[in-house]
Amino acid sequence: MMIVYVATWPRCGNSVLRDLFWLNWGITVTDPYMPAAGQETWQRIMTGKHGIVIDQDEPQIFRLGQKVGLVPGWLSWLTEERRRELAGQPVTYYLKTHEPPYASYLPGETVVQMIRHPLPACWSWHCLSKQDKELAPEFVATRGNGTTLPGYVEFHERWLEARVPLIRVAYEHHFRHPEATVRTLAAYLRLELQTPKVTSFNTMNTMNPVRYRAGKVAGWQGTDEQAAAIWEACAPVAGRLGYRSMTPEPPVRGPAPG
């Protein structure tokens, strides 16, 4: 039926969305960036605990009951030819990405995106980057990681211009009304839903303090000078997403479908 790309800038709620898909529908949204060691651990846990089956003819594809997915680390595997093949199948694949949009999209491809105010988003990536190298929050706002992933400005500028079926959900609105996020996903993707299932940010932080760094939404802790620099760089595109102030508050309006 389709490929659903769960497309966010880093630290803008991709993990939140992935958890909602799993909690409410048993859908596995897989990570294209996972290194080989992580893939081995993932396969061991998912086969032992959840009973996924790797396709022997195409080992990048797994099955979980009637559902299918791509084994993590699929980024280079997913060529345009394979995209076309997957998008035309009678099943749906759910794929995480932090990449800019493709130049064009195929029938059967759609996007779910969570956005976040640039200050806490940039600070969160800065904090996560300390695990390997220091990336100042004002650097990631405009340069991303300096190599493969774009900054906040470029990422959202390009996605705002992308011609693809897309719906946006604000991280800040989700924090206040998580059940509404689940209903929005269900309606957009035509997924069956009875009672929305959600997990609090504090619980998620306790379970995985790396992915959910502090269980906070407005987590800016940098200097006033850094905040001003980030907002100056990001204000035009953040404004298009509905953010009107340097203060990390929800958008003044809900982000409309793209």
C-alpha atoms as a PDB file:
ATOM      1  CA  MET A   1       0.000   0.000   0.000  1.00  0.00           C
ATOM      2  CA  MET A   2       2.661   2.518   0.866  1.00  0.00           C
ATOM      3  CA  ILE A   3       5.857   3.633   2.528  1.00  0.00           C
ATOM      4  CA  VAL A   4       5.366   5.921   5.532  1.00  0.00           C
ATOM      5  CA  TYR A   5       8.428   8.037   6.294  1.00  0.00           C
ATOM      6  CA  VAL A   6       8.611   9.226   9.906  1.00  0.00           C
ATOM      7  CA  ALA A   7      10.715  12.248   8.982  1.00  0.00           C
ATOM      8  CA  THR A   8      12.011  14.637  11.637  1.00  0.00           C
ATOM      9  CA  TRP A   9      15.055  16.748  12.303  1.00  0.00           C
ATOM     10  CA  PRO A  10      17.169  15.086  15.030  1.00  0.00           C
ATOM     11  CA  ARG A  11      15.791  15.487  18.561  1.00  0.00           C
ATOM     12  CA  CYS A  12      12.378  16.638  17.331  1.00  0.00           C
ATOM     13  CA  GLY A  13      10.290  13.663  18.359  1.00  0.00           C
ATOM     14  CA  ASN A  14      11.128  10.768  16.060  1.00  0.00           C
ATOM     15  CA  SER A  15      11.467   8.440  19.029  1.00  0.00           C
ATOM     16  CA  VAL A  16       8.146   9.701  20.386  1.00  0.00           C
ATOM     17  CA  LEU A  17       6.380   8.882  17.130  1.00  0.00           C
ATOM     18  CA  ARG A  18       8.051   5.494  16.831  1.00  0.00           C
ATOM     19  CA  ASP A  19       6.948   4.573  20.344  1.00  0.00           C
ATOM     20  CA  LEU A  20       3.369   5.619  19.583  1.00  0.00           C
ATOM     21  CA  PHE A  21       3.292   3.428  16.473  1.00  0.00           C
ATOM     22  CA  TRP A  22       4.540   0.441  18.451  1.00  0.00           C
ATOM     23  CA  LEU A  23       2.344   1.035  21.498  1.00  0.00           C
ATOM     24  CA  ASN A  24      -0.898   1.553  19.575  1.00  0.00           C
ATOM     25  CA  TRP A  25      -0.520  -0.649  16.501  1.00  0.00           C
ATOM     26  CA  GLY A  26       2.486  -2.938  16.993  1.00  0.00           C
ATOM     27  CA  ILE A  27       4.189  -1.153  14.085  1.00  0.00           C
ATOM     28  CA  THR A  28       7.997  -1.191  14.012  1.00  0.00           C
ATOM     29  CA  VAL A  29       9.542   1.996  12.583  1.00  0.00           C
ATOM     30  CA  THR A  30      13.161   1.119  11.839  1.00  0.00           C
ATOM     31  CA  ASP A  31      16.341   3.180  12.044  1.00  0.00           C
ATOM     32  CA  PRO A  32      18.398   3.615   8.841  1.00  0.00           C
ATOM     33  CA  TYR A  33      21.494   4.790  10.740  1.00  0.00           C
ATOM     34  CA  MET A  34      21.961   1.876  13.150  1.00  0.00           C
ATOM     35  CA  PRO A  35      25.515   0.443  12.992  1.00  0.00           C
ATOM     36  CA  ALA A  36      26.170  -3.251  12.415  1.00  0.00           C
ATOM     37  CA  ALA A  37      26.673  -4.037  16.110  1.00  0.00           C
ATOM     38  CA  GLY A  38      23.343  -2.456  16.941  1.00  0.00           C
ATOM     39  CA  GLN A  39      21.630  -4.347  14.132  1.00  0.00           C
ATOM     40  CA  GLU A  40      22.791  -7.657  15.584  1.00  0.00           C
ATOM     41  CA  THR A  41      21.413  -6.715  19.003  1.00  0.00           C
ATOM     42  CA  TRP A  42      18.160  -5.509  17.444  1.00  0.00           C
ATOM     43  CA  GLN A  43      17.680  -8.752  15.527  1.00  0.00           C
ATOM     44  CA  ARG A  44      18.421 -10.864  18.593  1.00  0.00           C
ATOM     45  CA  ILE A  45      15.915  -8.985  20.761  1.00  0.00           C
ATOM     46  CA  MET A  46      13.208  -8.678  18.121  1.00  0.00           C
ATOM     47  CA  THR A  47      13.381 -12.322  17.057  1.00  0.00           C
ATOM     48  CA  GLY A  48      13.609 -13.668  20.613  1.00  0.00           C
ATOM     49  CA  LYS A  49      11.074 -11.363  22.258  1.00  0.00           C
ATOM     50  CA  HIS A  50       8.678 -10.451  19.482  1.00  0.00           C
ATOM     51  CA  GLY A  51       9.075 -13.230  16.932  1.00  0.00           C
ATOM     52  CA  ILE A  52      10.055 -11.295  13.840  1.00  0.00           C
ATOM     53  CA  VAL A  53      11.101 -13.405  10.853  1.00  0.00           C
ATOM     54  CA  ILE A  54      13.842 -12.247   8.479  1.00  0.00           C
ATOM     55  CA  ASP A  55      13.075 -12.887   4.820  1.00  0.00           C
ATOM     56  CA  GLN A  56      15.682 -15.433   3.653  1.00  0.00           C
ATOM     57  CA  ASP A  57      15.440 -14.291   0.039  1.00  0.00           C
ATOM     58  CA  GLU A  58      15.688 -10.616   0.943  1.00  0.00           C
ATOM     59  CA  PRO A  59      17.411 -10.320   4.353  1.00  0.00           C
ATOM     60  CA  GLN A  60      16.773  -6.559   4.561  1.00  0.00           C
ATOM     61  CA  ILE A  61      13.052  -7.294   5.010  1.00  0.00           C
ATOM     62  CA  PHE A  62      11.425  -8.760   8.135  1.00  0.00           C
ATOM     63  CA  ARG A  63       7.905  -9.896   8.943  1.00  0.00           C
ATOM     64  CA  LEU A  64       6.018  -9.577  12.202  1.00  0.00           C
ATOM     65  CA  GLY A  65       2.715 -11.351  11.789  1.00  0.00           C
ATOM     66  CA  GLN A  66       0.939  -9.588   8.923  1.00  0.00           C
ATOM     67  CA  LYS A  67       3.244  -6.566   9.186  1.00  0.00           C
ATOM     68  CA  VAL A  68       6.517  -6.012   7.352  1.00  0.00           C
ATOM     69  CA  GLY A  69       9.514  -3.738   7.811  1.00  0.00           C
ATOM     70  CA  LEU A  70      13.097  -3.105   6.870  1.00  0.00           C
ATOM     71  CA  VAL A  71      15.881  -4.322   9.131  1.00  0.00           C
ATOM     72  CA  PRO A  72      17.718  -1.297  10.632  1.00  0.00           C
ATOM     73  CA  GLY A  73      20.652   0.082   8.666  1.00  0.00           C
ATOM     74  CA  TRP A  74      18.682   0.197   5.397  1.00  0.00           C
ATOM     75  CA  LEU A  75      19.726   3.701   4.250  1.00  0.00           C
ATOM     76  CA  SER A  76      22.056   2.710   1.406  1.00  0.00           C
ATOM     77  CA  TRP A  77      19.903  -0.324   0.543  1.00  0.00           C
ATOM     78  CA  LEU A  78      16.802   1.724  -0.259  1.00  0.00           C
ATOM     79  CA  THR A  79      17.517   2.772  -3.836  1.00  0.00           C
ATOM     80  CA  GLU A  80      14.841   4.440  -5.969  1.00  0.00           C
ATOM     81  CA  GLU A  81      14.199   1.116  -7.680  1.00  0.00           C
ATOM     82  CA  ARG A  82      13.586  -0.556  -4.335  1.00  0.00           C
ATOM     83  CA  ARG A  83      11.434   2.356  -3.179  1.00  0.00           C
ATOM     84  CA  ARG A  84       9.267   1.873  -6.234  1.00  0.00           C
ATOM     85  CA  GLU A  85       9.000  -1.841  -5.528  1.00  0.00           C
ATOM     86  CA  LEU A  86       8.095  -1.396  -1.852  1.00  0.00           C
ATOM     87  CA  ALA A  87       5.617   1.430  -2.495  1.00  0.00           C
ATOM     88  CA  GLY A  88       3.705  -0.808  -4.872  1.00  0.00           C
ATOM     89  CA  GLN A  89       3.379  -3.775  -2.517  1.00  0.00           C
ATOM     90  CA  PRO A  90       0.067  -4.586  -0.729  1.00  0.00           C
ATOM     91  CA  VAL A  91       1.663  -3.877   2.690  1.00  0.00           C
ATOM     92  CA  THR A  92       2.982  -0.765   4.443  1.00  0.00           C
ATOM     93  CA  TYR A  93       6.572  -0.055   5.488  1.00  0.00           C
ATOM     94  CA  TYR A  94       7.306   2.481   8.244  1.00  0.00           C
ATOM     95  CA  LEU A  95      10.748   4.086   8.069  1.00  0.00           C
ATOM     96  CA  LYS A  96      12.513   6.592  10.282  1.00  0.00           C
ATOM     97  CA  THR A  97      14.562   9.313   8.599  1.00  0.00           C
ATOM     98  CA  HIS A  98      16.412  12.531   9.416  1.00  0.00           C
ATOM     99  CA  GLU A  99      17.221  13.083   5.749  1.00  0.00           C
ATOM    100  CA  PRO A 100      16.048  15.982   3.580  1.00  0.00           C
ATOM    101  CA  PRO A 101      13.188  15.074   1.248  1.00  0.00           C
ATOM    102  CA  TYR A 102      13.724  13.190  -1.986  1.00  0.00           C
ATOM    103  CA  ALA A 103      13.611  15.218  -5.188  1.00  0.00           C
ATOM    104  CA  SER A 104      10.318  13.522  -6.001  1.00  0.00           C
ATOM    105  CA  TYR A 105       7.979  11.009  -4.437  1.00  0.00           C
ATOM    106  CA  LEU A 106       6.198   7.960  -5.749  1.00  0.00           C
ATOM    107  CA  PRO A 107       2.517   7.084  -5.534  1.00  0.00           C
ATOM    108  CA  GLY A 108       2.142   5.224  -2.265  1.00  0.00           C
ATOM    109  CA  GLU A 109       4.703   7.284  -0.311  1.00  0.00           C
ATOM    110  CA  THR A 110       3.623   9.607   2.503  1.00  0.00           C
ATOM    111  CA  VAL A 111       5.223  11.429   5.442  1.00  0.00           C
ATOM    112  CA  VAL A 112       4.510  11.922   9.137  1.00  0.00           C
ATOM    113  CA  GLN A 113       6.600  14.686  10.660  1.00  0.00           C
ATOM    114  CA  MET A 114       6.987  16.024  14.182  1.00  0.00           C
ATOM    115  CA  ILE A 115       8.385  19.534  14.559  1.00  0.00           C
ATOM    116  CA  ARG A 116       9.903  21.246  17.579  1.00  0.00           C
ATOM    117  CA  HIS A 117      10.926  24.768  18.565  1.00  0.00           C
ATOM    118  CA  PRO A 118      14.516  25.376  17.358  1.00  0.00           C
ATOM    119  CA  LEU A 119      16.037  26.282  20.746  1.00  0.00           C
ATOM    120  CA  PRO A 120      15.302  23.061  22.671  1.00  0.00           C
ATOM    121  CA  ALA A 121      15.805  21.011  19.497  1.00  0.00           C
ATOM    122  CA  CYS A 122      19.285  22.454  18.945  1.00  0.00           C
ATOM    123  CA  TRP A 123      20.181  22.156  22.629  1.00  0.00           C
ATOM    124  CA  SER A 124      19.113  18.534  22.749  1.00  0.00           C
ATOM    125  CA  TRP A 125      21.254  17.643  19.721  1.00  0.00           C
ATOM    126  CA  HIS A 126      24.162  19.541  21.266  1.00  0.00           C
ATOM    127  CA  CYS A 127      23.816  17.473  24.452  1.00  0.00           C
ATOM    128  CA  LEU A 128      23.560  14.209  22.529  1.00  0.00           C
ATOM    129  CA  SER A 129      26.627  15.095  20.436  1.00  0.00           C
ATOM    130  CA  LYS A 130      28.786  15.160  23.567  1.00  0.00           C
ATOM    131  CA  GLN A 131      28.833  11.375  23.371  1.00  0.00           C
ATOM    132  CA  ASP A 132      31.285  11.607  20.484  1.00  0.00           C
ATOM    133  CA  LYS A 133      32.195  15.202  19.615  1.00  0.00           C
ATOM    134  CA  GLU A 134      31.119  18.677  20.635  1.00  0.00           C
ATOM    135  CA  LEU A 135      28.609  20.377  18.345  1.00  0.00           C
ATOM    136  CA  ALA A 136      27.580  23.813  19.604  1.00  0.00           C
ATOM    137  CA  PRO A 137      23.802  24.401  19.473  1.00  0.00           C
ATOM    138  CA  GLU A 138      24.220  27.436  17.210  1.00  0.00           C
ATOM    139  CA  PHE A 139      26.308  25.269  14.858  1.00  0.00           C
ATOM    140  CA  VAL A 140      23.714  22.510  14.534  1.00  0.00           C
ATOM    141  CA  ALA A 141      21.034  25.138  13.842  1.00  0.00           C
ATOM    142  CA  THR A 142      22.668  26.040  10.543  1.00  0.00           C
ATOM    143  CA  ARG A 143      25.162  23.252   9.810  1.00  0.00           C
ATOM    144  CA  GLY A 144      23.670  20.102  11.327  1.00  0.00           C
ATOM    145  CA  ASN A 145      26.428  17.633  12.084  1.00  0.00           C
ATOM    146  CA  GLY A 146      28.676  19.336   9.539  1.00  0.00           C
ATOM    147  CA  THR A 147      28.716  16.342   7.201  1.00  0.00           C
ATOM    148  CA  THR A 148      25.687  14.197   6.423  1.00  0.00           C
ATOM    149  CA  LEU A 149      22.690  15.757   8.194  1.00  0.00           C
ATOM    150  CA  PRO A 150      21.565  19.357   7.523  1.00  0.00           C
ATOM    151  CA  GLY A 151      20.879  22.076  10.059  1.00  0.00           C
ATOM    152  CA  TYR A 152      17.452  23.007  11.375  1.00  0.00           C
ATOM    153  CA  VAL A 153      17.009  25.767   8.813  1.00  0.00           C
ATOM    154  CA  GLU A 154      17.897  23.804   5.684  1.00  0.00           C
ATOM    155  CA  PHE A 155      16.050  20.683   6.801  1.00  0.00           C
ATOM    156  CA  HIS A 156      12.735  22.455   7.365  1.00  0.00           C
ATOM    157  CA  GLU A 157      13.056  24.767   4.369  1.00  0.00           C
ATOM    158  CA  ARG A 158      13.404  21.771   2.117  1.00  0.00           C
ATOM    159  CA  TRP A 159      10.598  19.801   3.734  1.00  0.00           C
ATOM    160  CA  LEU A 160       8.261  22.795   3.565  1.00  0.00           C
ATOM    161  CA  GLU A 161       8.759  22.796  -0.201  1.00  0.00           C
ATOM    162  CA  ALA A 162       8.517  19.022  -0.660  1.00  0.00           C
ATOM    163  CA  ARG A 163       5.688  17.779  -2.847  1.00  0.00           C
ATOM    164  CA  VAL A 164       4.515  14.734  -0.947  1.00  0.00           C
ATOM    165  CA  PRO A 165       1.463  13.888   1.176  1.00  0.00           C
ATOM    166  CA  LEU A 166       2.549  15.000   4.653  1.00  0.00           C
ATOM    167  CA  ILE A 167       1.139  15.793   8.065  1.00  0.00           C
ATOM    168  CA  ARG A 168       2.964  17.709  10.809  1.00  0.00           C
ATOM    169  CA  VAL A 169       2.496  17.385  14.554  1.00  0.00           C
ATOM    170  CA  ALA A 170       4.107  19.779  17.039  1.00  0.00           C
ATOM    171  CA  TYR A 171       6.228  18.251  19.805  1.00  0.00           C
ATOM    172  CA  GLU A 172       4.904  20.863  22.243  1.00  0.00           C
ATOM    173  CA  HIS A 173       1.258  20.104  21.438  1.00  0.00           C
ATOM    174  CA  HIS A 174       1.931  16.396  21.816  1.00  0.00           C
ATOM    175  CA  PHE A 175       3.371  16.968  25.281  1.00  0.00           C
ATOM    176  CA  ARG A 176       0.092  18.580  26.357  1.00  0.00           C
ATOM    177  CA  HIS A 177      -2.337  16.390  24.414  1.00  0.00           C
ATOM    178  CA  PRO A 178      -0.668  13.071  23.535  1.00  0.00           C
ATOM    179  CA  GLU A 179      -3.945  11.247  22.905  1.00  0.00           C
ATOM    180  CA  ALA A 180      -4.752  13.808  20.203  1.00  0.00           C
ATOM    181  CA  THR A 181      -1.495  12.910  18.440  1.00  0.00           C
ATOM    182  CA  VAL A 182      -2.508   9.255  18.347  1.00  0.00           C
ATOM    183  CA  ARG A 183      -5.927  10.129  16.936  1.00  0.00           C
ATOM    184  CA  THR A 184      -4.298  12.358  14.313  1.00  0.00           C
ATOM    185  CA  LEU A 185      -1.987   9.539  13.206  1.00  0.00           C
ATOM    186  CA  ALA A 186      -4.870   7.067  13.099  1.00  0.00           C
ATOM    187  CA  ALA A 187      -7.050   9.365  10.999  1.00  0.00           C
ATOM    188  CA  TYR A 188      -4.294  10.354   8.588  1.00  0.00           C
ATOM    189  CA  LEU A 189      -3.041   6.807   7.997  1.00  0.00           C
ATOM    190  CA  ARG A 190      -6.441   5.123   8.343  1.00  0.00           C
ATOM    191  CA  LEU A 191      -5.317   2.934  11.209  1.00  0.00           C
ATOM    192  CA  GLU A 192      -7.886   1.300  13.450  1.00  0.00           C
ATOM    193  CA  LEU A 193      -8.008   2.840  16.916  1.00  0.00           C
ATOM    194  CA  GLN A 194     -10.168   2.366  19.985  1.00  0.00           C
ATOM    195  CA  THR A 195      -8.474   3.920  23.024  1.00  0.00           C
ATOM    196  CA  PRO A 196      -5.216   5.867  22.424  1.00  0.00           C
ATOM    197  CA  LYS A 197      -2.224   4.522  24.351  1.00  0.00           C
ATOM    198  CA  VAL A 198       0.491   6.930  25.479  1.00  0.00           C
ATOM    199  CA  THR A 199       3.463   6.965  27.822  1.00  0.00           C
ATOM    200  CA  SER A 200       4.474   9.998  29.883  1.00  0.00           C
ATOM    201  CA  PHE A 201       7.733  11.781  29.108  1.00  0.00           C
ATOM    202  CA  ASN A 202       9.002  11.084  32.627  1.00  0.00           C
ATOM    203  CA  THR A 203       8.394   7.361  32.160  1.00  0.00           C
ATOM    204  CA  MET A 204      10.149   7.397  28.790  1.00  0.00           C
ATOM    205  CA  ASN A 205      13.104   9.234  30.341  1.00  0.00           C
ATOM    206  CA  THR A 206      13.343   6.608  33.074  1.00  0.00           C
ATOM    207  CA  MET A 207      13.258   3.789  30.500  1.00  0.00           C
ATOM    208  CA  ASN A 208      15.735   5.373  28.075  1.00  0.00           C
ATOM    209  CA  PRO A 209      17.537   8.519  29.346  1.00  0.00           C
ATOM    210  CA  VAL A 210      19.613   8.837  26.155  1.00  0.00           C
ATOM    211  CA  ARG A 211      16.691   8.975  23.731  1.00  0.00           C
ATOM    212  CA  TYR A 212      14.591  11.038  26.179  1.00  0.00           C
ATOM    213  CA  ARG A 213      17.339  13.180  27.647  1.00  0.00           C
ATOM    214  CA  ALA A 214      15.424  14.874  30.451  1.00  0.00           C
ATOM    215  CA  GLY A 215      11.793  14.192  29.773  1.00  0.00           C
ATOM    216  CA  LYS A 216      11.348  17.889  29.006  1.00  0.00           C
ATOM    217  CA  VAL A 217       9.931  19.857  26.119  1.00  0.00           C
ATOM    218  CA  ALA A 218      11.367  23.343  26.679  1.00  0.00           C
ATOM    219  CA  GLY A 219      14.849  22.190  27.628  1.00  0.00           C
ATOM    220  CA  TRP A 220      16.981  25.206  26.652  1.00  0.00           C
ATOM    221  CA  GLN A 221      19.975  25.628  28.991  1.00  0.00           C
ATOM    222  CA  GLY A 222      22.415  27.578  26.834  1.00  0.00           C
ATOM    223  CA  THR A 223      23.426  31.243  27.042  1.00  0.00           C
ATOM    224  CA  ASP A 224      21.304  34.233  26.064  1.00  0.00           C
ATOM    225  CA  GLU A 225      23.771  34.961  23.265  1.00  0.00           C
ATOM    226  CA  GLN A 226      23.426  31.447  21.857  1.00  0.00           C
ATOM    227  CA  ALA A 227      19.642  31.634  22.075  1.00  0.00           C
ATOM    228  CA  ALA A 228      19.589  34.936  20.202  1.00  0.00           C
ATOM    229  CA  ALA A 229      21.899  33.579  17.488  1.00  0.00           C
ATOM    230  CA  ILE A 230      19.799  30.449  16.995  1.00  0.00           C
ATOM    231  CA  TRP A 231      16.533  32.353  16.869  1.00  0.00           C
ATOM    232  CA  GLU A 232      17.907  34.900  14.413  1.00  0.00           C
ATOM    233  CA  ALA A 233      18.997  32.097  12.088  1.00  0.00           C
ATOM    234  CA  CYS A 234      15.868  29.970  12.502  1.00  0.00           C
ATOM    235  CA  ALA A 235      13.099  32.556  12.936  1.00  0.00           C
ATOM    236  CA  PRO A 236      11.981  32.718   9.266  1.00  0.00           C
ATOM    237  CA  VAL A 237      11.529  28.963   8.867  1.00  0.00           C
ATOM    238  CA  ALA A 238      10.291  28.526  12.455  1.00  0.00           C
ATOM    239  CA  GLY A 239       7.677  31.168  11.709  1.00  0.00           C
ATOM    240  CA  ARG A 240       6.465  29.143   8.739  1.00  0.00           C
ATOM    241  CA  LEU A 241       6.054  26.223  11.144  1.00  0.00           C
ATOM    242  CA  GLY A 242       3.942  28.384  13.468  1.00  0.00           C
ATOM    243  CA  TYR A 243       6.511  29.462  16.075  1.00  0.00           C
ATOM    244  CA  ARG A 244       6.403  33.191  16.777  1.00  0.00           C
ATOM    245  CA  SER A 245       8.736  33.743  19.710  1.00  0.00           C
ATOM    246  CA  MET A 246      12.205  32.831  20.931  1.00  0.00           C
ATOM    247  CA  THR A 247      10.469  31.385  24.001  1.00  0.00           C
ATOM    248  CA  PRO A 248       9.953  27.639  23.497  1.00  0.00           C
ATOM    249  CA  GLU A 249       6.154  27.577  23.434  1.00  0.00           C
ATOM    250  CA  PRO A 250       3.752  25.673  21.175  1.00  0.00           C
ATOM    251  CA  PRO A 251       3.063  27.090  17.728  1.00  0.00           C
ATOM    252  CA  VAL A 252       0.367  29.754  17.674  1.00  0.00           C
ATOM    253  CA  ARG A 253      -1.522  27.484  15.309  1.00  0.00           C
ATOM    254  CA  GLY A 254      -1.372  23.777  14.695  1.00  0.00           C
ATOM    255  CA  PRO A 255       0.984  22.905  11.817  1.00  0.00           C
ATOM    256  CA  ALA A 256      -1.128  22.260   8.756  1.00  0.00           C
ATOM    257  CA  PRO A 257      -0.659  19.265   6.466  1.00  0.00           C
ATOM    258  CA  GLY A 258       2.044  19.858   3.874  1.00  0.00           C
END
